[in-house]
Amino acid sequence: SDLYTDENPKGTIHGLGFTDSATAKKSVAKIKSSGKSHAHKIQAAIAMSQRAKVASQRAKDPEKKKDLGAAHKVYQSYIDNNKKSKD
């Protein structure tokens, strides 16, 4: 599936972004308060993290590259802190 395609619009958490760390932090707050299942929240965060990462790699402007990289780190931190242990 494509990184930017919404295959299930009914389940979408609207208003998420990845332009910089402040936007990512607001988005993580929306994900946390979305009322969706744990798996759905993690999946949304993974999608946004990957979008930020790819956009950062493709960005030409060093400032945009840095902002997108910071957004990726915010999402990745949320994902790492909320993964259920496999024990």
Protein backbone atom coordinates (compact mmCIF):
# COMPACT_ATOMS: atom_id res chain seq x y z
CA SER A 1 0.00 0.00 0.00
CA ASP A 2 1.07 3.56 -0.64
CA LEU A 3 2.43 5.67 2.22
CA TYR A 4 -0.02 8.50 1.50
CA THR A 5 -3.14 6.52 0.59
CA ASP A 6 -5.99 6.28 3.08
CA GLU A 7 -7.39 2.81 2.54
CA ASN A 8 -9.93 3.07 5.36
CA PRO A 9 -11.26 6.66 5.55
CA LYS A 10 -13.83 5.73 8.23
CA GLY A 11 -11.06 4.96 10.73
CA THR A 12 -8.94 8.00 9.97
CA ILE A 13 -7.74 10.25 12.77
CA HIS A 14 -8.05 13.66 11.14
CA GLY A 15 -5.73 16.63 11.57
CA LEU A 16 -2.39 14.85 11.92
CA GLY A 17 0.75 16.44 10.54
CA PHE A 18 4.52 16.05 10.37
CA THR A 19 6.00 19.40 9.29
CA ASP A 20 7.92 19.92 12.54
CA SER A 21 8.17 18.71 16.13
CA ALA A 22 5.45 21.07 17.42
CA THR A 23 3.00 19.76 14.81
CA ALA A 24 4.00 16.18 15.58
CA LYS A 25 3.47 16.73 19.33
CA LYS A 26 -0.04 18.09 18.68
CA SER A 27 -0.72 15.10 16.44
CA VAL A 28 0.49 12.63 19.06
CA ALA A 29 -1.91 14.27 21.53
CA LYS A 30 -4.74 13.79 18.99
CA ILE A 31 -3.74 10.15 18.51
CA LYS A 32 -3.70 9.56 22.30
CA SER A 33 -7.16 11.09 22.76
CA SER A 34 -8.71 9.58 19.62
CA GLY A 35 -10.53 6.77 21.41
CA LYS A 36 -9.19 4.27 18.89
CA SER A 37 -7.70 0.90 19.84
CA HIS A 38 -4.06 0.67 20.91
CA ALA A 39 -3.15 -1.02 17.62
CA HIS A 40 -4.92 1.70 15.61
CA LYS A 41 -3.08 4.46 17.50
CA ILE A 42 0.30 2.78 16.95
CA GLN A 43 -0.48 2.22 13.26
CA ALA A 44 -1.38 5.91 12.81
CA ALA A 45 1.84 6.96 14.54
CA ILE A 46 3.89 4.57 12.39
CA ALA A 47 2.35 5.98 9.20
CA MET A 48 3.10 9.55 10.26
CA SER A 49 6.61 8.62 11.39
CA GLN A 50 7.34 7.03 8.02
CA ARG A 51 5.93 10.02 6.14
CA ALA A 52 8.14 12.40 8.15
CA LYS A 53 11.18 10.18 7.64
CA VAL A 54 10.72 9.92 3.86
CA ALA A 55 9.95 13.64 3.52
CA SER A 56 13.08 14.45 5.55
CA GLN A 57 15.21 12.28 3.28
CA ARG A 58 13.80 13.96 0.17
CA ALA A 59 13.87 17.56 1.45
CA LYS A 60 16.40 19.88 -0.19
CA ASP A 61 16.15 22.78 2.28
CA PRO A 62 18.34 22.03 5.34
CA GLU A 63 15.85 23.74 7.70
CA LYS A 64 12.92 21.66 6.40
CA LYS A 65 15.07 18.53 6.57
CA LYS A 66 15.82 19.28 10.25
CA ASP A 67 12.14 20.04 11.09
CA LEU A 68 10.90 16.87 9.40
CA GLY A 69 13.59 14.83 11.14
CA ALA A 70 12.49 16.27 14.49
CA ALA A 71 8.86 15.32 13.73
CA HIS A 72 9.99 11.78 12.91
CA LYS A 73 11.75 11.57 16.29
CA VAL A 74 8.58 12.71 18.13
CA TYR A 75 6.49 9.98 16.48
CA GLN A 76 9.20 7.36 16.94
CA SER A 77 9.45 8.19 20.63
CA TYR A 78 5.67 7.76 21.02
CA ILE A 79 5.83 4.42 19.19
CA ASP A 80 8.78 3.15 21.24
CA ASN A 81 7.15 4.16 24.54
CA ASN A 82 3.79 2.56 23.69
CA LYS A 83 4.65 -0.73 22.06
CA LYS A 84 3.28 -3.64 23.99
CA SER A 85 6.01 -5.95 25.20
CA LYS A 86 6.23 -9.36 23.58
CA ASP A 87 7.00 -11.15 26.89
